[in-house]
Protein backbone atom coordinates (compact mmCIF):
# COMPACT_ATOMS: atom_id res chain seq x y z
CA UNK A 1 9.43 -22.84 -37.56
CA UNK A 2 8.82 -20.95 -34.42
CA UNK A 3 11.49 -21.42 -31.35
CA UNK A 4 10.66 -23.01 -28.60
CA UNK A 5 9.97 -21.06 -25.22
CA UNK A 6 12.69 -20.47 -23.05
CA UNK A 7 12.92 -22.91 -20.27
CA UNK A 8 11.89 -21.92 -16.48
CA UNK A 9 15.63 -22.45 -15.25
CA UNK A 10 16.79 -20.34 -18.45
CA UNK A 11 14.82 -17.55 -17.11
CA UNK A 12 15.35 -18.01 -13.48
CA UNK A 13 18.90 -17.62 -14.11
CA UNK A 14 18.51 -14.62 -16.27
CA UNK A 15 16.29 -12.94 -13.60
CA UNK A 16 18.86 -13.83 -10.82
CA UNK A 17 21.56 -12.10 -13.31
CA UNK A 18 19.53 -9.01 -13.36
CA UNK A 19 18.76 -9.39 -10.20
CA UNK A 20 22.41 -9.41 -8.82
CA UNK A 21 23.12 -6.35 -11.12
CA UNK A 22 20.88 -4.47 -9.85
CA UNK A 23 21.26 -5.46 -6.49
CA UNK A 24 25.18 -4.11 -7.39
CA UNK A 25 24.07 -0.68 -7.81
CA UNK A 26 21.70 -0.86 -4.97
CA UNK A 27 24.81 -1.34 -2.82
CA UNK A 28 26.65 1.71 -4.45
CA UNK A 29 23.65 3.38 -4.12
CA UNK A 30 22.96 3.06 -0.31
CA UNK A 31 26.51 4.13 0.16
CA UNK A 32 25.73 7.59 -1.49
CA UNK A 33 22.33 7.82 0.49
CA UNK A 34 20.49 8.46 3.78
CA UNK A 35 21.04 5.70 6.19
CA UNK A 36 17.49 5.61 7.81
CA UNK A 37 15.20 3.47 7.08
CA UNK A 38 11.20 2.62 7.89
CA UNK A 39 11.51 -0.36 9.95
CA UNK A 40 13.80 -2.34 11.88
CA UNK A 41 12.39 -5.73 12.82
CA UNK A 42 14.97 -6.96 15.36
CA UNK A 43 16.51 -9.66 17.12
CA UNK A 44 14.08 -12.20 15.59
CA UNK A 45 14.88 -16.01 14.78
CA UNK A 46 14.79 -15.29 10.87
CA UNK A 47 14.17 -18.16 8.47
CA UNK A 48 14.72 -16.21 5.11
CA UNK A 49 12.52 -18.98 2.51
CA UNK A 50 15.51 -20.53 1.43
CA UNK A 51 16.68 -24.15 2.47
CA UNK A 52 19.48 -22.39 5.39
CA UNK A 53 19.87 -22.44 8.79
CA UNK A 54 17.90 -19.83 10.70
CA UNK A 55 19.50 -16.86 11.82
CA UNK A 56 18.96 -14.27 15.11
CA UNK A 57 19.33 -10.88 13.09
CA UNK A 58 17.40 -8.02 12.18
CA UNK A 59 15.26 -7.21 8.40
CA UNK A 60 15.53 -3.13 7.48
CA UNK A 61 12.71 -1.81 5.63
CA UNK A 62 12.61 1.30 3.47
CA UNK A 63 9.22 1.67 1.53
CA UNK A 64 8.00 -1.33 -0.10
CA UNK A 65 11.78 -2.80 -0.06
CA UNK A 66 13.84 -4.79 2.06
CA UNK A 67 17.12 -3.21 2.56
CA UNK A 68 19.18 -5.42 4.89
CA UNK A 69 18.67 -8.75 6.63
CA UNK A 70 20.84 -9.98 9.18
CA UNK A 71 22.58 -7.10 11.17
CA UNK A 72 21.20 -3.65 10.58
CA UNK A 73 24.06 -1.72 12.41
CA UNK A 74 24.35 1.32 9.86
CA UNK A 75 20.93 1.67 9.97
CA UNK A 76 18.64 4.30 12.06
CA UNK A 77 14.74 3.68 11.50
CA UNK A 78 11.59 5.28 12.29
CA UNK A 79 10.34 2.38 13.96
CA UNK A 80 12.23 -0.54 15.69
CA UNK A 81 10.24 -3.74 16.59
CA UNK A 82 11.53 -5.84 19.29
CA UNK A 83 11.01 -9.58 18.25
CA UNK A 84 13.15 -11.48 20.43
CA UNK A 85 11.70 -14.65 20.89
CA UNK A 86 9.86 -14.15 17.79
CA UNK A 87 9.95 -16.14 14.24
CA UNK A 88 10.24 -13.41 11.21
CA UNK A 89 9.55 -15.18 7.84
CA UNK A 90 8.59 -14.19 4.17
CA UNK A 91 4.72 -13.38 4.13
CA UNK A 92 3.63 -16.80 3.18
CA UNK A 93 1.98 -17.13 -0.19
CA UNK A 94 -1.21 -19.26 -0.78
CA UNK A 95 -1.31 -20.73 -3.90
CA UNK A 96 -4.65 -22.40 -4.16
CA UNK A 97 -7.49 -19.67 -2.48
CA UNK A 98 -11.57 -19.14 -3.28
CA UNK A 99 -11.01 -15.63 -1.62
CA UNK A 100 -13.29 -13.92 -3.87
CA UNK A 101 -16.19 -13.40 -1.39
CA UNK A 102 -13.70 -11.20 0.47
CA UNK A 103 -11.58 -9.67 -2.56
CA UNK A 104 -14.48 -8.73 -4.97
CA UNK A 105 -16.46 -7.53 -1.63
CA UNK A 106 -17.99 -3.79 -2.19
CA UNK A 107 -16.45 -3.22 1.46
CA UNK A 108 -13.38 -2.03 1.96
CA UNK A 109 -13.12 -3.50 5.45
CA UNK A 110 -13.79 -7.06 3.77
CA UNK A 111 -11.19 -6.71 1.15
CA UNK A 112 -8.57 -6.39 3.85
CA UNK A 113 -8.91 -10.34 3.27
CA UNK A 114 -8.82 -10.90 6.96
CA UNK A 115 -8.85 -14.59 6.74
CA UNK A 116 -5.64 -14.52 5.11
CA UNK A 117 -3.68 -11.84 6.61
CA UNK A 118 -4.16 -13.04 10.41
CA UNK A 119 -2.88 -16.46 9.02
CA UNK A 120 0.14 -14.32 8.67
CA UNK A 121 -0.72 -14.83 4.39
CA UNK A 122 0.42 -11.94 2.26
CA UNK A 123 0.10 -12.98 -1.28
CA UNK A 124 -2.17 -15.20 -2.93
CA UNK A 125 -3.51 -17.17 -6.36
CA UNK A 126 -6.90 -16.47 -7.69
CA UNK A 127 -8.73 -18.39 -10.51
CA UNK A 128 -8.10 -21.43 -9.08
CA UNK A 129 -9.75 -24.72 -10.50
CA UNK A 130 -10.31 -23.48 -14.11
CA UNK A 131 -12.21 -20.58 -12.38
CA UNK A 132 -9.83 -17.67 -14.03
CA UNK A 133 -11.24 -15.21 -16.33
CA UNK A 134 -9.34 -14.61 -19.60
CA UNK A 135 -9.70 -11.03 -19.14
CA UNK A 136 -6.81 -10.75 -16.79
CA UNK A 137 -5.85 -7.41 -17.09
CA UNK A 138 -9.62 -5.89 -17.21
CA UNK A 139 -10.25 -7.80 -13.73
CA UNK A 140 -6.57 -7.79 -12.05
CA UNK A 141 -6.64 -4.02 -12.74
CA UNK A 142 -10.08 -3.27 -11.32
CA UNK A 143 -9.27 -5.55 -7.99
CA UNK A 144 -5.95 -3.41 -7.58
CA UNK A 145 -7.53 -0.26 -7.74
CA UNK A 146 -10.43 -0.90 -5.14
CA UNK A 147 -7.72 -2.03 -2.28
CA UNK A 148 -7.18 -5.23 -1.54
CA UNK A 149 -4.93 -6.39 1.54
CA UNK A 150 -3.28 -9.36 0.03
CA UNK A 151 -1.40 -9.28 -3.06
CA UNK A 152 -3.01 -11.59 -5.86
CA UNK A 153 -1.47 -13.86 -8.38
CA UNK A 154 -4.14 -14.61 -11.55
CA UNK A 155 -4.37 -17.61 -13.57
CA UNK A 156 -6.27 -17.68 -16.95
CA UNK A 157 -9.08 -20.68 -16.47
CA UNK A 158 -9.82 -23.42 -18.65
CA UNK A 159 -13.99 -23.08 -17.32
CA UNK A 160 -14.87 -19.80 -18.57
CA UNK A 161 -12.75 -20.33 -21.75
CA UNK A 162 -14.57 -23.34 -22.47
CA UNK A 163 -17.61 -21.58 -21.24
CA UNK A 164 -17.46 -18.75 -23.20
CA UNK A 165 -17.18 -21.13 -26.63
CA UNK A 166 -19.01 -24.35 -25.78
CA UNK A 167 -21.25 -23.22 -22.84
CA UNK A 168 -22.48 -25.95 -20.51
CA UNK A 169 -22.47 -28.44 -23.39
CA UNK A 170 -20.70 -32.22 -23.02
CA UNK A 171 -19.42 -32.15 -26.62
CA UNK A 172 -15.75 -31.60 -28.16
CA UNK A 173 -15.56 -28.22 -30.21
CA UNK A 174 -15.25 -28.08 -33.94
CA UNK A 175 -11.90 -26.72 -35.51
CA UNK A 176 -13.11 -23.37 -35.16
CA UNK A 177 -13.95 -23.15 -31.60
CA UNK A 178 -10.83 -24.77 -30.43
CA UNK A 179 -8.90 -21.67 -32.20
CA UNK A 180 -11.48 -19.59 -30.25
CA UNK A 181 -11.04 -21.34 -26.99
CA UNK A 182 -6.77 -21.31 -27.75
CA UNK A 183 -7.14 -17.46 -28.12
CA UNK A 184 -8.82 -16.58 -25.26
CA UNK A 185 -6.03 -18.56 -23.33
CA UNK A 186 -3.14 -16.53 -24.99
CA UNK A 187 -5.07 -13.37 -24.78
CA UNK A 188 -4.77 -14.07 -20.99
CA UNK A 189 -1.42 -15.53 -20.71
CA UNK A 190 0.00 -12.00 -22.63
CA UNK A 191 -2.48 -10.16 -20.02
CA UNK A 192 0.05 -11.67 -17.40
CA UNK A 193 -1.46 -14.67 -16.11
CA UNK A 194 0.60 -16.54 -14.35
CA UNK A 195 -0.33 -19.98 -16.19
CA UNK A 196 -3.36 -22.42 -17.21
CA UNK A 197 -5.68 -23.45 -14.39
CA UNK A 198 -7.67 -26.17 -15.15
CA UNK A 199 -10.77 -28.33 -12.62
CA UNK A 200 -11.18 -31.52 -14.84
CA UNK A 201 -13.33 -33.02 -12.44
CA UNK A 202 -16.23 -30.00 -12.31
CA UNK A 203 -18.47 -30.04 -15.05
CA UNK A 204 -18.14 -28.95 -18.17
CA UNK A 205 -14.44 -28.81 -18.08
CA UNK A 206 -15.05 -32.83 -17.24
CA UNK A 207 -16.58 -33.28 -20.50
CA UNK A 208 -13.17 -32.32 -22.20
CA UNK A 209 -11.24 -35.13 -23.85
CA UNK A 210 -7.11 -34.81 -22.84
CA UNK A 211 -6.49 -33.65 -26.23
CA UNK A 212 -9.11 -30.52 -25.85
CA UNK A 213 -6.59 -29.65 -23.03
CA UNK A 214 -3.01 -30.26 -24.62
CA UNK A 215 -4.31 -28.32 -27.23
CA UNK A 216 -5.35 -24.98 -25.23
CA UNK A 217 -2.96 -25.90 -22.85
CA UNK A 218 0.33 -25.39 -25.43
CA UNK A 219 -1.21 -21.53 -25.57
CA UNK A 220 -0.39 -21.14 -21.91
CA UNK A 221 3.16 -23.54 -22.43
CA UNK A 222 4.63 -21.41 -25.52
CA UNK A 223 4.49 -17.94 -23.24
CA UNK A 224 6.06 -19.19 -20.41
CA UNK A 225 3.35 -20.67 -18.19
CA UNK A 226 2.48 -23.49 -15.75
CA UNK A 227 -0.06 -25.96 -15.91
CA UNK A 228 -1.87 -25.70 -12.37
CA UNK A 229 -4.55 -28.64 -12.06
CA UNK A 230 -7.58 -29.76 -9.83
CA UNK A 231 -7.37 -33.09 -11.68
CA UNK A 232 -9.91 -34.85 -13.29
CA UNK A 233 -10.04 -37.94 -10.24
CA UNK A 234 -8.76 -37.73 -7.13
CA UNK A 235 -10.45 -41.10 -6.05
CA UNK A 236 -12.34 -43.48 -8.30
CA UNK A 237 -15.03 -41.61 -9.93
CA UNK A 238 -13.50 -41.69 -13.75
CA UNK A 239 -9.83 -42.82 -14.84
CA UNK A 240 -8.62 -43.07 -11.02
CA UNK A 241 -6.10 -41.51 -9.04
CA UNK A 242 -3.32 -42.97 -10.75
CA UNK A 243 -4.61 -42.57 -14.10
CA UNK A 244 -5.88 -39.13 -13.46
CA UNK A 245 -1.92 -38.02 -12.13
CA UNK A 246 -0.78 -40.11 -15.40
CA UNK A 247 -3.03 -37.82 -17.34
CA UNK A 248 -1.51 -34.42 -15.91
CA UNK A 249 1.81 -35.21 -16.35
CA UNK A 250 1.60 -36.33 -19.80
CA UNK A 251 -0.26 -33.11 -20.93
CA UNK A 252 2.96 -31.80 -19.50
CA UNK A 253 5.45 -33.50 -21.16
CA UNK A 254 3.26 -33.14 -24.53
CA UNK A 255 3.67 -29.19 -24.57
CA UNK A 256 6.89 -28.74 -22.34
CA UNK A 257 5.40 -27.19 -19.13
CA UNK A 258 5.37 -27.74 -15.66
CA UNK A 259 3.03 -29.25 -13.99
CA UNK A 260 1.59 -28.22 -10.87
CA UNK A 261 -1.05 -30.74 -8.99
CA UNK A 262 -3.57 -28.70 -7.14
CA UNK A 263 -4.89 -29.66 -3.27
CA UNK A 264 -3.19 -33.34 -3.99
CA UNK A 265 -4.79 -35.88 -2.06
CA UNK A 266 -5.86 -39.73 -2.20
CA UNK A 267 -10.08 -38.85 -1.59
CA UNK A 268 -12.09 -41.59 -0.78
CA UNK A 269 -12.18 -45.25 0.50
CA UNK A 270 -11.07 -46.66 -2.87
CA UNK A 271 -7.59 -45.22 -3.03
CA UNK A 272 -6.76 -44.86 0.36
CA UNK A 273 -3.01 -45.81 0.69
CA UNK A 274 -1.82 -44.68 -3.01
CA UNK A 275 -0.14 -41.73 -1.73
CA UNK A 276 3.48 -43.68 -1.93
CA UNK A 277 2.52 -44.86 -5.81
CA UNK A 278 1.31 -41.06 -6.68
CA UNK A 279 4.63 -40.21 -5.61
CA UNK A 280 6.60 -42.62 -7.19
CA UNK A 281 5.11 -41.49 -10.40
CA UNK A 282 5.93 -37.80 -9.38
CA UNK A 283 9.29 -38.66 -8.95
CA UNK A 284 9.78 -40.52 -11.86
CA UNK A 285 8.03 -37.48 -14.10
CA UNK A 286 10.84 -35.39 -12.08
CA UNK A 287 13.88 -37.56 -12.75
CA UNK A 288 12.67 -37.63 -16.23
CA UNK A 289 13.03 -33.96 -16.74
CA UNK A 290 9.19 -33.36 -16.20
CA UNK A 291 8.76 -30.04 -13.53
CA UNK A 292 6.03 -31.33 -11.36
CA UNK A 293 5.13 -29.97 -8.28
CA UNK A 294 2.03 -29.72 -5.80
CA UNK A 295 0.40 -28.54 -2.59
CA UNK A 296 -1.81 -30.00 -0.42
CA UNK A 297 -3.68 -28.53 2.85
CA UNK A 298 -3.99 -30.18 6.43
CA UNK A 299 -6.98 -31.56 6.79
CA UNK A 300 -8.48 -34.53 6.58
CA UNK A 301 -11.99 -33.56 5.37
CA UNK A 302 -12.31 -31.76 1.40
CA UNK A 303 -14.64 -28.70 0.62
CA UNK A 304 -16.88 -28.92 -2.28
CA UNK A 305 -20.35 -29.34 -3.39
CA UNK A 306 -23.22 -32.32 -3.07
CA UNK A 307 -23.68 -31.61 -6.53
CA UNK A 308 -20.04 -32.64 -7.52
CA UNK A 309 -19.50 -35.16 -4.89
CA UNK A 310 -22.96 -37.29 -5.48
CA UNK A 311 -24.07 -36.43 -9.03
CA UNK A 312 -23.22 -38.18 -12.28
CA UNK A 313 -21.50 -36.24 -15.04
CA UNK A 314 -24.17 -36.97 -17.54
CA UNK A 315 -26.70 -35.27 -15.33
CA UNK A 316 -25.00 -31.91 -15.42
CA UNK A 317 -24.76 -31.59 -18.97
CA UNK A 318 -26.33 -28.51 -20.18
CA UNK A 319 -26.12 -27.01 -16.77
CA UNK A 320 -28.97 -26.77 -13.60
CA UNK A 321 -32.08 -26.07 -15.88
CA UNK A 322 -31.46 -29.76 -17.83
CA UNK A 323 -30.69 -31.37 -14.61
CA UNK A 324 -33.89 -30.54 -13.48
CA UNK A 325 -35.71 -31.72 -16.42
CA UNK A 326 -33.78 -34.83 -15.86
CA UNK A 327 -34.97 -35.33 -12.53
CA UNK A 328 -38.57 -34.60 -13.25
CA UNK A 329 -38.35 -37.53 -15.42
CA UNK A 330 -38.89 -40.93 -12.85
CA UNK A 331 -36.64 -43.25 -15.90
CA UNK A 332 -33.99 -40.49 -15.36
CA UNK A 333 -34.56 -39.83 -11.55
CA UNK A 334 -34.17 -43.78 -11.58
CA UNK A 335 -30.53 -43.54 -13.05
CA UNK A 336 -29.07 -40.94 -11.26
CA UNK A 337 -30.17 -42.21 -8.05
CA UNK A 338 -28.32 -45.29 -8.70
CA UNK A 339 -25.14 -43.41 -9.35
CA UNK A 340 -25.52 -41.67 -7.02
CA UNK A 341 -25.68 -44.97 -4.12
CA UNK A 342 -22.12 -45.41 -5.60
CA UNK A 343 -20.74 -42.17 -4.91
CA UNK A 344 -22.00 -42.07 -1.38
CA UNK A 345 -20.06 -45.11 -1.02
CA UNK A 346 -16.91 -43.22 -2.69
CA UNK A 347 -17.32 -40.73 -0.08
CA UNK A 348 -17.33 -42.73 2.74
CA UNK A 349 -21.30 -42.55 3.46
CA UNK A 350 -23.65 -39.69 4.26
CA UNK A 351 -22.73 -39.46 7.67
CA UNK A 352 -18.76 -38.50 6.39
CA UNK A 353 -20.71 -35.06 4.60
CA UNK A 354 -21.08 -32.29 6.71
CA UNK A 355 -23.29 -29.81 5.36
CA UNK A 356 -21.16 -26.36 5.46
CA UNK A 357 -22.71 -24.07 3.33
CA UNK A 358 -23.59 -20.72 5.89
CA UNK A 359 -26.98 -19.47 6.42
CA UNK A 360 -29.30 -22.90 5.71
CA UNK A 361 -31.17 -24.86 7.78
CA UNK A 362 -29.09 -27.85 7.55
CA UNK A 363 -25.82 -25.69 8.27
CA UNK A 364 -23.81 -27.67 10.26
CA UNK A 365 -25.76 -30.80 10.11
CA UNK A 366 -24.49 -33.91 8.07
CA UNK A 367 -26.24 -35.16 4.98
CA UNK A 368 -27.42 -38.32 7.51
CA UNK A 369 -29.10 -36.36 9.88
CA UNK A 370 -30.62 -33.66 7.71
CA UNK A 371 -32.08 -37.02 5.77
CA UNK A 372 -33.16 -38.53 8.89
CA UNK A 373 -34.82 -35.02 9.91
CA UNK A 374 -37.05 -34.83 6.73
CA UNK A 375 -37.82 -38.72 6.82
CA UNK A 376 -35.85 -39.14 3.47
CA UNK A 377 -33.56 -41.49 1.72
CA UNK A 378 -29.76 -39.36 2.05
CA UNK A 379 -30.12 -39.55 -2.21
CA UNK A 380 -33.41 -37.67 -2.15
CA UNK A 381 -32.17 -35.16 0.67
CA UNK A 382 -29.04 -34.53 -1.34
CA UNK A 383 -31.15 -33.47 -4.58
CA UNK A 384 -33.84 -31.35 -2.60
CA UNK A 385 -30.73 -29.34 -1.30
CA UNK A 386 -29.82 -29.21 -4.88
CA UNK A 387 -33.04 -28.37 -6.31
CA UNK A 388 -33.74 -25.68 -4.05
CA UNK A 389 -30.73 -24.18 -4.87
CA UNK A 390 -30.81 -24.04 -8.47
CA UNK A 391 -34.46 -23.24 -8.11
CA UNK A 392 -33.22 -20.06 -6.05
CA UNK A 393 -30.65 -18.96 -8.44
CA UNK A 394 -32.88 -18.99 -11.06
CA UNK A 395 -35.13 -16.70 -9.02
CA UNK A 396 -31.95 -14.23 -8.46
CA UNK A 397 -32.09 -15.65 -4.83
CA UNK A 398 -29.68 -16.59 -2.55
CA UNK A 399 -28.52 -20.61 -4.04
CA UNK A 400 -25.32 -22.46 -3.14
CA UNK A 401 -26.73 -24.19 -0.37
CA UNK A 402 -24.78 -27.42 -1.41
CA UNK A 403 -21.48 -26.88 -0.06
CA UNK A 404 -20.09 -29.43 2.01
CA UNK A 405 -17.53 -30.70 4.01
CA UNK A 406 -16.26 -34.24 2.99
CA UNK A 407 -13.93 -36.49 5.09
CA UNK A 408 -12.21 -38.44 2.66
CA UNK A 409 -8.88 -38.77 3.75
CA UNK A 410 -6.40 -41.11 5.57
CA UNK A 411 -3.99 -39.57 8.01
CA UNK A 412 -0.74 -41.81 6.51
CA UNK A 413 -1.35 -40.58 3.18
CA UNK A 414 -2.03 -36.64 4.14
CA UNK A 415 1.84 -36.83 6.26
CA UNK A 416 3.63 -39.21 3.51
CA UNK A 417 2.39 -36.30 0.57
CA UNK A 418 3.38 -33.53 3.42
CA UNK A 419 7.11 -34.45 3.67
CA UNK A 420 7.76 -34.52 -0.08
CA UNK A 421 10.47 -31.73 -1.38
CA UNK A 422 7.97 -30.59 -4.11
CA UNK A 423 5.45 -30.46 -2.03
CA UNK A 424 3.94 -27.01 -0.65
CA UNK A 425 1.46 -25.62 1.55
CA UNK A 426 -1.89 -24.11 0.64
CA UNK A 427 -5.39 -23.57 1.54
CA UNK A 428 -8.11 -24.02 -0.97
CA UNK A 429 -10.00 -21.72 1.11
CA UNK A 430 -13.78 -21.78 0.56
CA UNK A 431 -16.83 -20.52 2.47
CA UNK A 432 -17.72 -22.53 5.37
CA UNK A 433 -14.74 -24.93 5.47
CA UNK A 434 -12.24 -23.94 8.59
CA UNK A 435 -9.51 -24.30 5.99
CA UNK A 436 -10.45 -20.97 4.68
CA UNK A 437 -9.26 -18.98 7.53
CA UNK A 438 -6.86 -21.41 9.85
CA UNK A 439 -5.10 -23.80 7.47
CA UNK A 440 -1.11 -22.07 7.67
CA UNK A 441 -1.84 -21.92 11.84
CA UNK A 442 -3.37 -25.70 11.58
CA UNK A 443 -0.36 -27.21 10.00
CA UNK A 444 1.86 -25.29 11.96
CA UNK A 445 0.57 -27.03 15.44
CA UNK A 446 -0.34 -30.10 13.97
CA UNK A 447 1.58 -30.90 11.82
CA UNK A 448 4.98 -29.06 13.20
CA UNK A 449 4.58 -28.58 16.92
CA UNK A 450 1.92 -31.73 17.89
CA UNK A 451 2.83 -34.63 15.46
CA UNK A 452 6.03 -33.48 14.34
CA UNK A 453 5.49 -34.76 10.60
CA UNK A 454 7.62 -31.87 9.42
CA UNK A 455 9.91 -29.41 10.99
CA UNK A 456 9.89 -25.55 11.35
CA UNK A 457 12.16 -25.09 8.65
CA UNK A 458 10.00 -26.88 6.28
CA UNK A 459 6.81 -25.56 6.99
CA UNK A 460 8.22 -21.87 6.37
CA UNK A 461 10.13 -23.46 3.03
CA UNK A 462 6.77 -24.56 1.78
CA UNK A 463 4.89 -21.46 2.83
CA UNK A 464 7.34 -19.01 1.14
CA UNK A 465 10.38 -19.92 -1.22
CA UNK A 466 9.42 -23.22 -2.44
CA UNK A 467 6.00 -21.68 -3.82
CA UNK A 468 7.41 -18.48 -5.11
CA UNK A 469 9.95 -20.48 -7.04
CA UNK A 470 7.46 -22.72 -8.83
CA UNK A 471 5.54 -19.71 -9.57
CA UNK A 472 8.53 -17.42 -10.62
CA UNK A 473 6.84 -14.49 -8.83
CA UNK A 474 9.78 -11.62 -9.05
CA UNK A 475 11.23 -10.95 -5.94
CA UNK A 476 8.64 -12.52 -3.50
CA UNK A 477 9.56 -15.16 -1.13
CA UNK A 478 12.83 -14.59 0.43
CA UNK A 479 13.88 -12.38 2.89
CA UNK A 480 16.57 -10.63 0.68
CA UNK A 481 17.73 -7.40 -0.01
CA UNK A 482 15.99 -5.80 -2.47
CA UNK A 483 13.07 -8.14 -2.28
CA UNK A 484 9.80 -6.76 -1.65
CA UNK A 485 8.91 -6.32 1.89
CA UNK A 486 6.28 -8.84 2.65
CA UNK A 487 7.54 -9.83 6.21
CA UNK A 488 5.60 -11.60 9.02
CA UNK A 489 6.33 -11.96 12.46
CA UNK A 490 5.37 -14.72 14.53
CA UNK A 491 4.96 -15.31 18.18
CA UNK A 492 5.47 -19.26 18.08
CA UNK A 493 4.30 -20.00 21.35
CA UNK A 494 0.80 -18.43 20.18
CA UNK A 495 0.35 -18.49 16.58
CA UNK A 496 -2.53 -21.05 15.89
CA UNK A 497 -5.86 -21.73 14.54
CA UNK A 498 -9.37 -20.75 16.01
CA UNK A 499 -11.57 -22.12 13.27
CA UNK A 500 -13.10 -25.71 12.99
CA UNK A 501 -15.89 -27.24 11.26
CA UNK A 502 -18.46 -25.99 13.65
CA UNK A 503 -17.34 -22.16 13.76
CA UNK A 504 -15.73 -22.10 10.52
CA UNK A 505 -14.70 -18.20 10.14
CA UNK A 506 -12.86 -17.57 13.59
CA UNK A 507 -9.55 -15.33 12.91
CA UNK A 508 -6.21 -17.20 13.23
CA UNK A 509 -3.66 -15.99 16.60
CA UNK A 510 -0.34 -15.16 16.75
CA UNK A 511 0.71 -13.14 14.00
CA UNK A 512 2.07 -10.50 15.39
CA UNK A 513 3.18 -7.99 12.20
CA UNK A 514 2.41 -8.64 9.09
CA UNK A 515 4.51 -5.99 6.38
CA UNK A 516 2.37 -6.12 2.65
CA UNK A 517 4.47 -4.78 0.24
CA UNK A 518 6.02 -2.75 3.07
CA UNK A 519 2.74 -1.28 5.05
CA UNK A 520 2.19 -2.64 8.30
CA UNK A 521 -1.23 -4.83 7.16
CA UNK A 522 -1.44 -6.77 10.80
CA UNK A 523 -0.11 -5.22 14.18
CA UNK A 524 -0.43 -7.26 17.47
CA UNK A 525 -3.13 -9.56 16.01
CA UNK A 526 -5.58 -7.18 14.27
CA UNK A 527 -6.18 -6.43 11.06
CA UNK A 528 -4.72 -2.31 10.31
CA UNK A 529 -6.99 -1.59 7.83
CA UNK A 530 -3.97 -1.23 5.01
CA UNK A 531 -4.80 -2.09 1.68
CA UNK A 532 -1.42 -2.42 0.20
CA UNK A 533 -2.24 -5.59 -2.18
CA UNK A 534 -1.06 -5.44 -5.64
CA UNK A 535 -1.69 -7.67 -8.77
CA UNK A 536 1.11 -9.52 -9.37
CA UNK A 537 1.06 -9.72 -13.09
CA UNK A 538 3.82 -11.40 -15.26
CA UNK A 539 5.98 -9.63 -17.17
CA UNK A 540 7.03 -9.28 -19.73
CA UNK A 541 4.81 -12.43 -21.16
CA UNK A 542 6.42 -14.30 -24.11
CA UNK A 543 5.00 -14.51 -27.94
CA UNK A 544 2.60 -11.87 -27.41
CA UNK A 545 1.60 -8.26 -29.48
């Protein structure tokens, strides 16, 4: 019988003991070496990423490491930065991003990833919503070698795993096919993925049963991974919000792995006010010993696509070509339109769907407005856009015109979820939605400064150390000697978003300095062009060749 995986607490304790020993060695070596460092950030208000109170002091950096925090009197520096009146914190960590259009660009100036750097973010997770390739080593290596502005943390994704074996089909895998899927997850974990990501709301992942997800998730669990999920239902589409929360927790309990809810919310008119029930379920699971956490973005509109929002899942079985055949059949089209009407209601109607795909005739208009211009029913206008997108992709032309911002959340739910001790900040940053360029400063301005939903200390904690703890990032998320020098200097009076739903690609302001692995990536509200980001792969993985 194989032995169970080491618990996260044991692994964390082992890491802390090793780090303490390393720091003792470092302190002894420091006494014997030159007291010159590269940078001293002097006189700022330091939030170190932990639970403690901020202190006024210095941060000293040499190479890619933090050398001292608090007092730097024994050091001299090549460069001294006056941070009086500024906030000095660990670089922010974004656990849920869609930064691929930047990180995978052929243009180095784009791979700088300015949208995140200008928010003070130094590390982003990729492969979320179940989209991470199982070829983790090759993909991460290629990205890091190309030169990227932020660190990346990869997931292995359930979507590519399932598609590689089953395509777009809505069916259960055979025993051999399930074994092939499990092997792909194991491969991704052994190559350094932080865990398994799922997007069970999206086809073809939505075709999987809970038992299928459990089987593949176990391969990540026995290798020390985390289960990160865009849960099956955030609303009332299938099993309902509360049923979906129960499913995700049950998956984690059954395979013995931590559960992390991506962009946790109560989405749509049917579930407004259910945040308190979600919180009660998570708190009960945590009390029972299941490690459950979540992230959240500070917007009342989600970002998704017309097909995901409006089409019934059975209609997209087999992919875009199969969908078009169904829409060409009058009887099937009638059935699709009937179910679309109910989905429109869940989302608050066509006026609550803002079309945000960039560069199209409908960009910046609501579905209701476009339907009126075209003199169509809102459902038929949506189907025209979806059809055009599928046909364009089939011709190798620009598709993707179906992106929407869906205004579907209640402020009271957002506030309540934000105040939970297991919550962290994310952007879910995607093209066309201001959250890509502005989530962290939006949270600071609207929820800390203006509405005082949370404190500044909580905002920093939710954006740094707590996130690093959840994902067990090695020497990240805190300002401590020996940790990697991801350090942000913010002006508390100027740090603010500039992007909105009309102008979603405006860079945020107020980041005076941002160091990524000790390299200056932002200097006085401008990127320097430095691409110092690294692929942060888990090492050493458990139960691997």
